[in-house]
Amino acid sequence: MSPPSLARFLPTFVQRWLPRPWRQPAAVPDELWRDTLGQLPFLDVLGSHEQEQLRQLCRHFLAEKEFHGANGLVITDAMALAIAAQACLPLLHMATATANQVTDPLQVLDWYGDFVGIVVQPGAAVAQREITDGSGVVHRYREVLAGEAMDRGPIMLSWEDVANAAQAAQRGSNVVIHEFAHKFDMHGMRPDEIPDGAPPLPRHFMGKAGQQAAREHWRLTMQNAYDRFREAVAMAERFGEKAPWLDSYAAKNPAEFFAVTCEAYFVSRGRFAEEFPDLLTLYDGFFRPASAVSA
């Protein structure tokens, strides 16, 4: 009997260590899948082939990750699938960091290979922060979080915010995509590095001759968009001009700008194209490399 046939008799925690083609993760029930798509308009508009590909990614994602409810929250199958579907959406057309296309569609899950745990809070979490300024003075403060991604560590999500995904999409927001976008940014990062809004790029990114040229193009395009956004936020706060479409949190640093704009790219592509035409082309090159190369 071949390993793939044996795999269906193995418990989930054992299957997790098998090569993906050998695994037999649990199927996603039809009714649950239809409910998930219906509750998330930005998934329901996908083509039938894309929806089926997303469903297969979710099967393996759910087999590879462990969900933990915090503060008494019980994680249901519907909750786990809703998170999985949103987390896997960016992977649909992606390549790995070393290729333009992948021969095995499940290989793109390697982007999320540095962690297993997903902690779900009932609502926003309060984190204790500590920073030291240039004078050596230590400042302690509290930060309210709808989610958090840790390098080589778990992801935390607020279920209240996840459950509000359909409404949040109308303003270009999605907490799941935000936190998983940080994982792209952190991919392959050394322990002494910090996320900077520049994830590893696939080979021949946007037709560039080499990785250096590709990274320079990415950084220049992102920096210009980030600078314009920060200026718009400043003008709104100081002079009462119209506030930008996206959350001003994106002005905090380049890593948050990348994560916030990724949210909008996936849940409100039309408005994103109007607001960030240069980023639309850039993100298509990253998240849809095959179509970007053939265009």
C-alpha atoms as a PDB file:
ATOM      1  CA  MET A   1       0.000   0.000   0.000  1.00  0.00           C
ATOM      2  CA  SER A   2       1.394   3.415  -0.971  1.00  0.00           C
ATOM      3  CA  PRO A   3       2.007   6.148   1.645  1.00  0.00           C
ATOM      4  CA  PRO A   4      -0.875   8.319   0.366  1.00  0.00           C
ATOM      5  CA  SER A   5      -3.311   5.469   0.967  1.00  0.00           C
ATOM      6  CA  LEU A   6      -1.944   4.838   4.432  1.00  0.00           C
ATOM      7  CA  ALA A   7      -2.127   8.521   5.329  1.00  0.00           C
ATOM      8  CA  ARG A   8      -5.897   8.577   5.744  1.00  0.00           C
ATOM      9  CA  PHE A   9      -5.577   6.215   8.708  1.00  0.00           C
ATOM     10  CA  LEU A  10      -3.057   8.419  10.506  1.00  0.00           C
ATOM     11  CA  PRO A  11      -4.026  11.047  13.100  1.00  0.00           C
ATOM     12  CA  THR A  12      -3.728  14.728  12.149  1.00  0.00           C
ATOM     13  CA  PHE A  13      -0.646  15.433  14.245  1.00  0.00           C
ATOM     14  CA  VAL A  14       1.191  12.600  12.433  1.00  0.00           C
ATOM     15  CA  GLN A  15       0.001  13.624   8.967  1.00  0.00           C
ATOM     16  CA  ARG A  16       1.410  17.095   9.590  1.00  0.00           C
ATOM     17  CA  TRP A  17       4.919  15.655   9.295  1.00  0.00           C
ATOM     18  CA  LEU A  18       4.255  13.859   6.013  1.00  0.00           C
ATOM     19  CA  PRO A  19       5.004  15.485   2.638  1.00  0.00           C
ATOM     20  CA  ARG A  20       1.869  17.335   1.532  1.00  0.00           C
ATOM     21  CA  PRO A  21       1.172  15.093  -1.499  1.00  0.00           C
ATOM     22  CA  TRP A  22       0.978  12.122   0.897  1.00  0.00           C
ATOM     23  CA  ARG A  23      -1.472  13.676   3.323  1.00  0.00           C
ATOM     24  CA  GLN A  24      -5.194  13.081   3.385  1.00  0.00           C
ATOM     25  CA  PRO A  25      -6.591  16.051   5.320  1.00  0.00           C
ATOM     26  CA  ALA A  26     -10.246  16.129   6.258  1.00  0.00           C
ATOM     27  CA  ALA A  27     -12.640  17.348   3.580  1.00  0.00           C
ATOM     28  CA  VAL A  28     -14.427  20.672   3.918  1.00  0.00           C
ATOM     29  CA  PRO A  29     -18.179  19.935   3.989  1.00  0.00           C
ATOM     30  CA  ASP A  30     -20.095  21.439   1.063  1.00  0.00           C
ATOM     31  CA  GLU A  31     -22.646  23.291   3.170  1.00  0.00           C
ATOM     32  CA  LEU A  32     -20.001  24.788   5.455  1.00  0.00           C
ATOM     33  CA  TRP A  33     -17.970  25.881   2.446  1.00  0.00           C
ATOM     34  CA  ARG A  34     -20.972  27.532   0.789  1.00  0.00           C
ATOM     35  CA  ASP A  35     -21.802  29.339   4.034  1.00  0.00           C
ATOM     36  CA  THR A  36     -18.240  30.606   4.327  1.00  0.00           C
ATOM     37  CA  LEU A  37     -18.208  31.941   0.776  1.00  0.00           C
ATOM     38  CA  GLY A  38     -21.616  33.539   1.214  1.00  0.00           C
ATOM     39  CA  GLN A  39     -20.561  35.391   4.346  1.00  0.00           C
ATOM     40  CA  LEU A  40     -17.422  36.819   2.718  1.00  0.00           C
ATOM     41  CA  PRO A  41     -18.302  38.709  -0.487  1.00  0.00           C
ATOM     42  CA  PHE A  42     -14.675  39.053  -1.575  1.00  0.00           C
ATOM     43  CA  LEU A  43     -14.491  35.231  -1.688  1.00  0.00           C
ATOM     44  CA  ASP A  44     -17.903  34.688  -3.230  1.00  0.00           C
ATOM     45  CA  VAL A  45     -16.882  36.645  -6.360  1.00  0.00           C
ATOM     46  CA  LEU A  46     -14.018  34.268  -7.140  1.00  0.00           C
ATOM     47  CA  GLY A  47     -14.372  31.979 -10.126  1.00  0.00           C
ATOM     48  CA  SER A  48     -15.372  28.372  -9.525  1.00  0.00           C
ATOM     49  CA  HIS A  49     -11.846  27.100 -10.225  1.00  0.00           C
ATOM     50  CA  GLU A  50     -10.369  29.634  -7.807  1.00  0.00           C
ATOM     51  CA  GLN A  51     -12.893  28.697  -5.139  1.00  0.00           C
ATOM     52  CA  GLU A  52     -12.023  25.020  -5.480  1.00  0.00           C
ATOM     53  CA  GLN A  53      -8.303  25.775  -5.320  1.00  0.00           C
ATOM     54  CA  LEU A  54      -8.910  27.894  -2.231  1.00  0.00           C
ATOM     55  CA  ARG A  55     -10.875  25.051  -0.679  1.00  0.00           C
ATOM     56  CA  GLN A  56      -7.962  22.656  -1.166  1.00  0.00           C
ATOM     57  CA  LEU A  57      -5.536  25.138   0.344  1.00  0.00           C
ATOM     58  CA  CYS A  58      -7.851  25.476   3.332  1.00  0.00           C
ATOM     59  CA  ARG A  59      -7.918  21.695   3.852  1.00  0.00           C
ATOM     60  CA  HIS A  60      -4.159  21.554   4.166  1.00  0.00           C
ATOM     61  CA  PHE A  61      -3.917  24.819   6.097  1.00  0.00           C
ATOM     62  CA  LEU A  62      -6.350  23.475   8.701  1.00  0.00           C
ATOM     63  CA  ALA A  63      -4.352  20.247   8.941  1.00  0.00           C
ATOM     64  CA  GLU A  64      -1.094  22.153   9.479  1.00  0.00           C
ATOM     65  CA  LYS A  65      -2.253  24.757  11.982  1.00  0.00           C
ATOM     66  CA  GLU A  66      -3.540  24.535  15.545  1.00  0.00           C
ATOM     67  CA  PHE A  67      -6.286  26.880  16.739  1.00  0.00           C
ATOM     68  CA  HIS A  68      -6.459  27.951  20.368  1.00  0.00           C
ATOM     69  CA  GLY A  69      -9.379  29.885  21.831  1.00  0.00           C
ATOM     70  CA  ALA A  70      -8.351  32.347  24.549  1.00  0.00           C
ATOM     71  CA  ASN A  71     -10.379  33.529  27.533  1.00  0.00           C
ATOM     72  CA  GLY A  72     -12.916  30.738  27.199  1.00  0.00           C
ATOM     73  CA  LEU A  73     -13.562  31.150  23.474  1.00  0.00           C
ATOM     74  CA  VAL A  74     -14.517  27.850  21.816  1.00  0.00           C
ATOM     75  CA  ILE A  75     -13.299  27.550  18.216  1.00  0.00           C
ATOM     76  CA  THR A  76     -15.905  25.976  15.951  1.00  0.00           C
ATOM     77  CA  ASP A  77     -15.299  24.457  12.520  1.00  0.00           C
ATOM     78  CA  ALA A  78     -16.996  27.480  10.946  1.00  0.00           C
ATOM     79  CA  MET A  79     -14.678  29.891  12.769  1.00  0.00           C
ATOM     80  CA  ALA A  80     -11.549  27.973  11.820  1.00  0.00           C
ATOM     81  CA  LEU A  81     -12.609  27.722   8.186  1.00  0.00           C
ATOM     82  CA  ALA A  82     -13.430  31.442   7.992  1.00  0.00           C
ATOM     83  CA  ILE A  83      -9.927  32.270   9.198  1.00  0.00           C
ATOM     84  CA  ALA A  84      -8.322  29.674   6.925  1.00  0.00           C
ATOM     85  CA  ALA A  85     -10.157  30.940   3.832  1.00  0.00           C
ATOM     86  CA  GLN A  86      -9.070  34.530   4.415  1.00  0.00           C
ATOM     87  CA  ALA A  87      -5.509  33.513   5.267  1.00  0.00           C
ATOM     88  CA  CYS A  88      -5.221  31.397   2.115  1.00  0.00           C
ATOM     89  CA  LEU A  89      -6.762  33.956  -0.244  1.00  0.00           C
ATOM     90  CA  PRO A  90      -3.420  35.734  -0.884  1.00  0.00           C
ATOM     91  CA  LEU A  91      -1.810  32.381  -1.760  1.00  0.00           C
ATOM     92  CA  LEU A  92      -4.163  31.540  -4.641  1.00  0.00           C
ATOM     93  CA  HIS A  93      -1.908  32.730  -7.464  1.00  0.00           C
ATOM     94  CA  MET A  94       1.381  33.189  -5.644  1.00  0.00           C
ATOM     95  CA  ALA A  95       4.766  31.691  -6.372  1.00  0.00           C
ATOM     96  CA  THR A  96       7.338  30.699  -3.819  1.00  0.00           C
ATOM     97  CA  ALA A  97      10.145  33.130  -3.057  1.00  0.00           C
ATOM     98  CA  THR A  98      12.412  31.311  -5.521  1.00  0.00           C
ATOM     99  CA  ALA A  99      10.213  30.753  -8.572  1.00  0.00           C
ATOM    100  CA  ASN A 100       7.683  32.435 -10.851  1.00  0.00           C
ATOM    101  CA  GLN A 101       5.328  29.476 -10.796  1.00  0.00           C
ATOM    102  CA  VAL A 102       4.998  26.358  -8.670  1.00  0.00           C
ATOM    103  CA  THR A 103       4.390  22.852  -9.925  1.00  0.00           C
ATOM    104  CA  ASP A 104       2.506  21.853  -6.769  1.00  0.00           C
ATOM    105  CA  PRO A 105      -0.196  24.423  -5.830  1.00  0.00           C
ATOM    106  CA  LEU A 106       0.121  23.417  -2.171  1.00  0.00           C
ATOM    107  CA  GLN A 107       3.752  24.520  -2.119  1.00  0.00           C
ATOM    108  CA  VAL A 108       2.679  28.124  -1.545  1.00  0.00           C
ATOM    109  CA  LEU A 109       1.691  27.167   2.010  1.00  0.00           C
ATOM    110  CA  ASP A 110       5.432  27.275   2.742  1.00  0.00           C
ATOM    111  CA  TRP A 111       4.993  31.039   3.142  1.00  0.00           C
ATOM    112  CA  TYR A 112       3.287  30.179   6.433  1.00  0.00           C
ATOM    113  CA  GLY A 113       5.740  27.488   7.418  1.00  0.00           C
ATOM    114  CA  ASP A 114       7.374  29.277  10.363  1.00  0.00           C
ATOM    115  CA  PHE A 115       4.489  28.761  12.793  1.00  0.00           C
ATOM    116  CA  VAL A 116       1.704  26.397  13.806  1.00  0.00           C
ATOM    117  CA  GLY A 117      -0.416  28.168  16.425  1.00  0.00           C
ATOM    118  CA  ILE A 118      -3.281  30.605  15.814  1.00  0.00           C
ATOM    119  CA  VAL A 119      -4.624  32.166  19.007  1.00  0.00           C
ATOM    120  CA  VAL A 120      -8.128  33.614  18.763  1.00  0.00           C
ATOM    121  CA  GLN A 121      -9.299  36.120  21.359  1.00  0.00           C
ATOM    122  CA  PRO A 122     -13.014  36.914  21.815  1.00  0.00           C
ATOM    123  CA  GLY A 123     -12.259  40.596  21.195  1.00  0.00           C
ATOM    124  CA  ALA A 124      -9.330  42.968  21.001  1.00  0.00           C
ATOM    125  CA  ALA A 125      -6.325  42.180  23.192  1.00  0.00           C
ATOM    126  CA  VAL A 126      -4.359  44.655  25.278  1.00  0.00           C
ATOM    127  CA  ALA A 127      -0.589  44.300  25.024  1.00  0.00           C
ATOM    128  CA  GLN A 128       1.950  45.828  27.379  1.00  0.00           C
ATOM    129  CA  ARG A 129       4.641  47.653  25.399  1.00  0.00           C
ATOM    130  CA  GLU A 130       8.012  49.038  26.391  1.00  0.00           C
ATOM    131  CA  ILE A 131      10.323  51.231  24.325  1.00  0.00           C
ATOM    132  CA  THR A 132      13.510  53.105  25.113  1.00  0.00           C
ATOM    133  CA  ASP A 133      13.948  56.510  23.507  1.00  0.00           C
ATOM    134  CA  GLY A 134      17.167  58.072  22.289  1.00  0.00           C
ATOM    135  CA  SER A 135      17.888  59.485  25.724  1.00  0.00           C
ATOM    136  CA  GLY A 136      17.660  56.079  27.362  1.00  0.00           C
ATOM    137  CA  VAL A 137      14.313  56.766  28.992  1.00  0.00           C
ATOM    138  CA  VAL A 138      12.017  53.724  29.145  1.00  0.00           C
ATOM    139  CA  HIS A 139       8.393  54.335  28.181  1.00  0.00           C
ATOM    140  CA  ARG A 140       5.708  51.787  29.034  1.00  0.00           C
ATOM    141  CA  TYR A 141       2.249  51.865  27.489  1.00  0.00           C
ATOM    142  CA  ARG A 142      -0.700  49.696  26.527  1.00  0.00           C
ATOM    143  CA  GLU A 143      -1.699  48.942  22.955  1.00  0.00           C
ATOM    144  CA  VAL A 144      -5.101  47.596  21.894  1.00  0.00           C
ATOM    145  CA  LEU A 145      -4.676  44.941  19.215  1.00  0.00           C
ATOM    146  CA  ALA A 146      -7.111  43.325  16.784  1.00  0.00           C
ATOM    147  CA  GLY A 147      -4.307  40.968  15.780  1.00  0.00           C
ATOM    148  CA  GLU A 148      -0.599  40.368  15.968  1.00  0.00           C
ATOM    149  CA  ALA A 149       1.914  38.291  14.020  1.00  0.00           C
ATOM    150  CA  MET A 150       5.171  37.199  15.603  1.00  0.00           C
ATOM    151  CA  ASP A 151       8.276  36.234  13.667  1.00  0.00           C
ATOM    152  CA  ARG A 152       8.682  32.442  13.897  1.00  0.00           C
ATOM    153  CA  GLY A 153       5.756  32.498  16.290  1.00  0.00           C
ATOM    154  CA  PRO A 154       1.975  32.312  16.370  1.00  0.00           C
ATOM    155  CA  ILE A 155      -0.639  34.680  15.053  1.00  0.00           C
ATOM    156  CA  MET A 156      -3.200  36.273  17.353  1.00  0.00           C
ATOM    157  CA  LEU A 157      -6.602  37.373  16.043  1.00  0.00           C
ATOM    158  CA  SER A 158      -9.648  39.043  17.553  1.00  0.00           C
ATOM    159  CA  TRP A 159     -12.718  36.999  16.651  1.00  0.00           C
ATOM    160  CA  GLU A 160     -14.890  40.093  16.959  1.00  0.00           C
ATOM    161  CA  ASP A 161     -12.894  41.660  14.124  1.00  0.00           C
ATOM    162  CA  VAL A 162     -12.712  38.456  12.082  1.00  0.00           C
ATOM    163  CA  ALA A 163     -16.492  38.019  12.324  1.00  0.00           C
ATOM    164  CA  ASN A 164     -16.938  41.575  11.028  1.00  0.00           C
ATOM    165  CA  ALA A 165     -14.963  40.878   7.841  1.00  0.00           C
ATOM    166  CA  ALA A 166     -17.808  41.515   5.381  1.00  0.00           C
ATOM    167  CA  GLN A 167     -18.512  44.974   6.777  1.00  0.00           C
ATOM    168  CA  ALA A 168     -14.822  45.804   7.217  1.00  0.00           C
ATOM    169  CA  ALA A 169     -14.181  44.996   3.546  1.00  0.00           C
ATOM    170  CA  GLN A 170     -16.273  48.010   2.568  1.00  0.00           C
ATOM    171  CA  ARG A 171     -13.536  50.223   3.988  1.00  0.00           C
ATOM    172  CA  GLY A 172     -10.733  48.071   2.592  1.00  0.00           C
ATOM    173  CA  SER A 173      -9.967  46.368   5.886  1.00  0.00           C
ATOM    174  CA  ASN A 174      -9.362  42.736   6.882  1.00  0.00           C
ATOM    175  CA  VAL A 175      -7.593  41.712  10.067  1.00  0.00           C
ATOM    176  CA  VAL A 176      -6.745  38.163   8.920  1.00  0.00           C
ATOM    177  CA  ILE A 177      -5.089  39.266   5.696  1.00  0.00           C
ATOM    178  CA  HIS A 178      -3.269  42.016   7.596  1.00  0.00           C
ATOM    179  CA  GLU A 179      -1.593  39.625  10.020  1.00  0.00           C
ATOM    180  CA  PHE A 180      -0.779  37.014   7.400  1.00  0.00           C
ATOM    181  CA  ALA A 181       0.706  39.738   5.172  1.00  0.00           C
ATOM    182  CA  HIS A 182       3.200  40.330   7.975  1.00  0.00           C
ATOM    183  CA  LYS A 183       4.247  36.688   7.556  1.00  0.00           C
ATOM    184  CA  PHE A 184       5.192  37.399   3.919  1.00  0.00           C
ATOM    185  CA  ASP A 185       7.236  40.350   5.132  1.00  0.00           C
ATOM    186  CA  MET A 186       8.928  38.223   7.831  1.00  0.00           C
ATOM    187  CA  HIS A 187       9.649  35.262   5.559  1.00  0.00           C
ATOM    188  CA  GLY A 188      13.341  34.358   5.703  1.00  0.00           C
ATOM    189  CA  MET A 189      14.095  37.267   8.022  1.00  0.00           C
ATOM    190  CA  ARG A 190      17.131  36.976  10.286  1.00  0.00           C
ATOM    191  CA  PRO A 191      16.591  37.211  14.069  1.00  0.00           C
ATOM    192  CA  ASP A 192      18.253  40.647  14.185  1.00  0.00           C
ATOM    193  CA  GLU A 193      16.054  42.075  11.415  1.00  0.00           C
ATOM    194  CA  ILE A 194      12.644  43.722  11.584  1.00  0.00           C
ATOM    195  CA  PRO A 195       9.842  43.695   8.980  1.00  0.00           C
ATOM    196  CA  ASP A 196      10.182  46.550   6.513  1.00  0.00           C
ATOM    197  CA  GLY A 197       7.421  46.061   3.963  1.00  0.00           C
ATOM    198  CA  ALA A 198       9.736  44.291   1.492  1.00  0.00           C
ATOM    199  CA  PRO A 199       9.016  40.527   1.321  1.00  0.00           C
ATOM    200  CA  PRO A 200      11.206  38.098  -0.632  1.00  0.00           C
ATOM    201  CA  LEU A 201      10.372  38.447  -4.309  1.00  0.00           C
ATOM    202  CA  PRO A 202       9.962  35.637  -6.863  1.00  0.00           C
ATOM    203  CA  ARG A 203      12.542  35.169  -9.562  1.00  0.00           C
ATOM    204  CA  HIS A 204      12.256  37.532 -12.533  1.00  0.00           C
ATOM    205  CA  PHE A 205       9.858  39.707 -10.551  1.00  0.00           C
ATOM    206  CA  MET A 206       8.032  41.955 -13.033  1.00  0.00           C
ATOM    207  CA  GLY A 207      10.590  41.097 -15.686  1.00  0.00           C
ATOM    208  CA  LYS A 208      13.545  42.510 -13.757  1.00  0.00           C
ATOM    209  CA  ALA A 209      16.957  41.128 -14.658  1.00  0.00           C
ATOM    210  CA  GLY A 210      18.009  40.223 -11.132  1.00  0.00           C
ATOM    211  CA  GLN A 211      17.004  40.257  -7.483  1.00  0.00           C
ATOM    212  CA  GLN A 212      18.770  43.526  -6.774  1.00  0.00           C
ATOM    213  CA  ALA A 213      16.911  45.330  -9.550  1.00  0.00           C
ATOM    214  CA  ALA A 214      13.652  43.753  -8.409  1.00  0.00           C
ATOM    215  CA  ARG A 215      14.149  44.822  -4.791  1.00  0.00           C
ATOM    216  CA  GLU A 216      15.122  48.349  -5.817  1.00  0.00           C
ATOM    217  CA  HIS A 217      11.959  48.613  -7.903  1.00  0.00           C
ATOM    218  CA  TRP A 218       9.846  47.294  -5.025  1.00  0.00           C
ATOM    219  CA  ARG A 219      11.363  49.635  -2.455  1.00  0.00           C
ATOM    220  CA  LEU A 220      11.149  52.722  -4.661  1.00  0.00           C
ATOM    221  CA  THR A 221       7.509  52.093  -5.598  1.00  0.00           C
ATOM    222  CA  MET A 222       6.540  51.344  -1.995  1.00  0.00           C
ATOM    223  CA  GLN A 223       8.457  54.324  -0.599  1.00  0.00           C
ATOM    224  CA  ASN A 224       6.774  56.750  -3.001  1.00  0.00           C
ATOM    225  CA  ALA A 225       3.315  55.413  -2.126  1.00  0.00           C
ATOM    226  CA  TYR A 226       4.121  55.417   1.590  1.00  0.00           C
ATOM    227  CA  ASP A 227       5.373  58.998   1.502  1.00  0.00           C
ATOM    228  CA  ARG A 228       2.234  60.170  -0.304  1.00  0.00           C
ATOM    229  CA  PHE A 229       0.037  58.376   2.211  1.00  0.00           C
ATOM    230  CA  ARG A 230       1.865  59.838   5.203  1.00  0.00           C
ATOM    231  CA  GLU A 231       1.539  63.310   3.710  1.00  0.00           C
ATOM    232  CA  ALA A 232      -2.208  62.817   3.205  1.00  0.00           C
ATOM    233  CA  VAL A 233      -2.584  61.668   6.823  1.00  0.00           C
ATOM    234  CA  ALA A 234      -0.618  64.669   8.069  1.00  0.00           C
ATOM    235  CA  MET A 235      -2.698  67.097   5.997  1.00  0.00           C
ATOM    236  CA  ALA A 236      -5.907  65.557   7.351  1.00  0.00           C
ATOM    237  CA  GLU A 237      -4.759  65.687  10.972  1.00  0.00           C
ATOM    238  CA  ARG A 238      -3.173  69.143  10.912  1.00  0.00           C
ATOM    239  CA  PHE A 239      -5.271  71.057   8.420  1.00  0.00           C
ATOM    240  CA  GLY A 240      -8.589  69.215   8.332  1.00  0.00           C
ATOM    241  CA  GLU A 241      -8.288  67.982   4.785  1.00  0.00           C
ATOM    242  CA  LYS A 242     -10.112  64.854   3.692  1.00  0.00           C
ATOM    243  CA  ALA A 243      -8.754  61.768   5.429  1.00  0.00           C
ATOM    244  CA  PRO A 244      -7.246  59.005   3.271  1.00  0.00           C
ATOM    245  CA  TRP A 245      -9.408  56.013   2.451  1.00  0.00           C
ATOM    246  CA  LEU A 246      -7.313  53.549   4.438  1.00  0.00           C
ATOM    247  CA  ASP A 247      -6.671  53.473   8.163  1.00  0.00           C
ATOM    248  CA  SER A 248      -4.054  56.015   9.238  1.00  0.00           C
ATOM    249  CA  TYR A 249      -2.329  53.150  11.079  1.00  0.00           C
ATOM    250  CA  ALA A 250      -0.693  52.439   7.722  1.00  0.00           C
ATOM    251  CA  ALA A 251       1.418  55.564   8.260  1.00  0.00           C
ATOM    252  CA  LYS A 252       3.108  54.037  11.325  1.00  0.00           C
ATOM    253  CA  ASN A 253       5.945  52.386   9.382  1.00  0.00           C
ATOM    254  CA  PRO A 254       6.588  50.632   6.029  1.00  0.00           C
ATOM    255  CA  ALA A 255       5.698  47.193   7.449  1.00  0.00           C
ATOM    256  CA  GLU A 256       2.258  48.351   8.554  1.00  0.00           C
ATOM    257  CA  PHE A 257       1.758  50.203   5.278  1.00  0.00           C
ATOM    258  CA  PHE A 258       2.407  46.961   3.410  1.00  0.00           C
ATOM    259  CA  ALA A 259       0.006  44.986   5.623  1.00  0.00           C
ATOM    260  CA  VAL A 260      -2.794  47.574   5.491  1.00  0.00           C
ATOM    261  CA  THR A 261      -2.566  47.999   1.718  1.00  0.00           C
ATOM    262  CA  CYS A 262      -2.558  44.220   1.269  1.00  0.00           C
ATOM    263  CA  GLU A 263      -5.896  44.110   3.083  1.00  0.00           C
ATOM    264  CA  ALA A 264      -7.420  46.545   0.617  1.00  0.00           C
ATOM    265  CA  TYR A 265      -5.844  44.884  -2.417  1.00  0.00           C
ATOM    266  CA  PHE A 266      -7.677  41.639  -1.676  1.00  0.00           C
ATOM    267  CA  VAL A 267     -11.032  42.795  -0.331  1.00  0.00           C
ATOM    268  CA  SER A 268     -11.653  45.964  -2.371  1.00  0.00           C
ATOM    269  CA  ARG A 269      -9.594  45.693  -5.536  1.00  0.00           C
ATOM    270  CA  GLY A 270     -11.582  48.270  -7.525  1.00  0.00           C
ATOM    271  CA  ARG A 271     -11.172  51.055  -4.988  1.00  0.00           C
ATOM    272  CA  PHE A 272      -7.566  50.017  -4.370  1.00  0.00           C
ATOM    273  CA  ALA A 273      -6.832  50.409  -8.081  1.00  0.00           C
ATOM    274  CA  GLU A 274      -8.172  53.972  -7.951  1.00  0.00           C
ATOM    275  CA  GLU A 275      -6.253  54.928  -4.829  1.00  0.00           C
ATOM    276  CA  PHE A 276      -2.969  53.089  -5.464  1.00  0.00           C
ATOM    277  CA  PRO A 277      -2.504  52.364  -9.187  1.00  0.00           C
ATOM    278  CA  ASP A 278       1.261  51.920  -8.838  1.00  0.00           C
ATOM    279  CA  LEU A 279       0.812  49.489  -5.958  1.00  0.00           C
ATOM    280  CA  LEU A 280      -1.815  47.544  -7.911  1.00  0.00           C
ATOM    281  CA  THR A 281       0.774  46.752 -10.583  1.00  0.00           C
ATOM    282  CA  LEU A 282       3.420  45.993  -7.959  1.00  0.00           C
ATOM    283  CA  TYR A 283       1.160  43.691  -5.931  1.00  0.00           C
ATOM    284  CA  ASP A 284      -0.064  41.916  -9.040  1.00  0.00           C
ATOM    285  CA  GLY A 285       3.594  41.135  -9.746  1.00  0.00           C
ATOM    286  CA  PHE A 286       3.971  39.641  -6.275  1.00  0.00           C
ATOM    287  CA  PHE A 287       0.632  37.939  -5.680  1.00  0.00           C
ATOM    288  CA  ARG A 288      -0.158  37.032  -9.307  1.00  0.00           C
ATOM    289  CA  PRO A 289       3.277  36.606 -10.942  1.00  0.00           C
ATOM    290  CA  ALA A 290       2.129  34.406 -13.820  1.00  0.00           C
ATOM    291  CA  SER A 291      -0.485  36.913 -15.025  1.00  0.00           C
ATOM    292  CA  ALA A 292       1.903  39.811 -14.456  1.00  0.00           C
ATOM    293  CA  VAL A 293       4.607  38.190 -16.610  1.00  0.00           C
ATOM    294  CA  SER A 294       2.170  37.295 -19.390  1.00  0.00           C
ATOM    295  CA  ALA A 295       0.522  40.717 -19.433  1.00  0.00           C
END
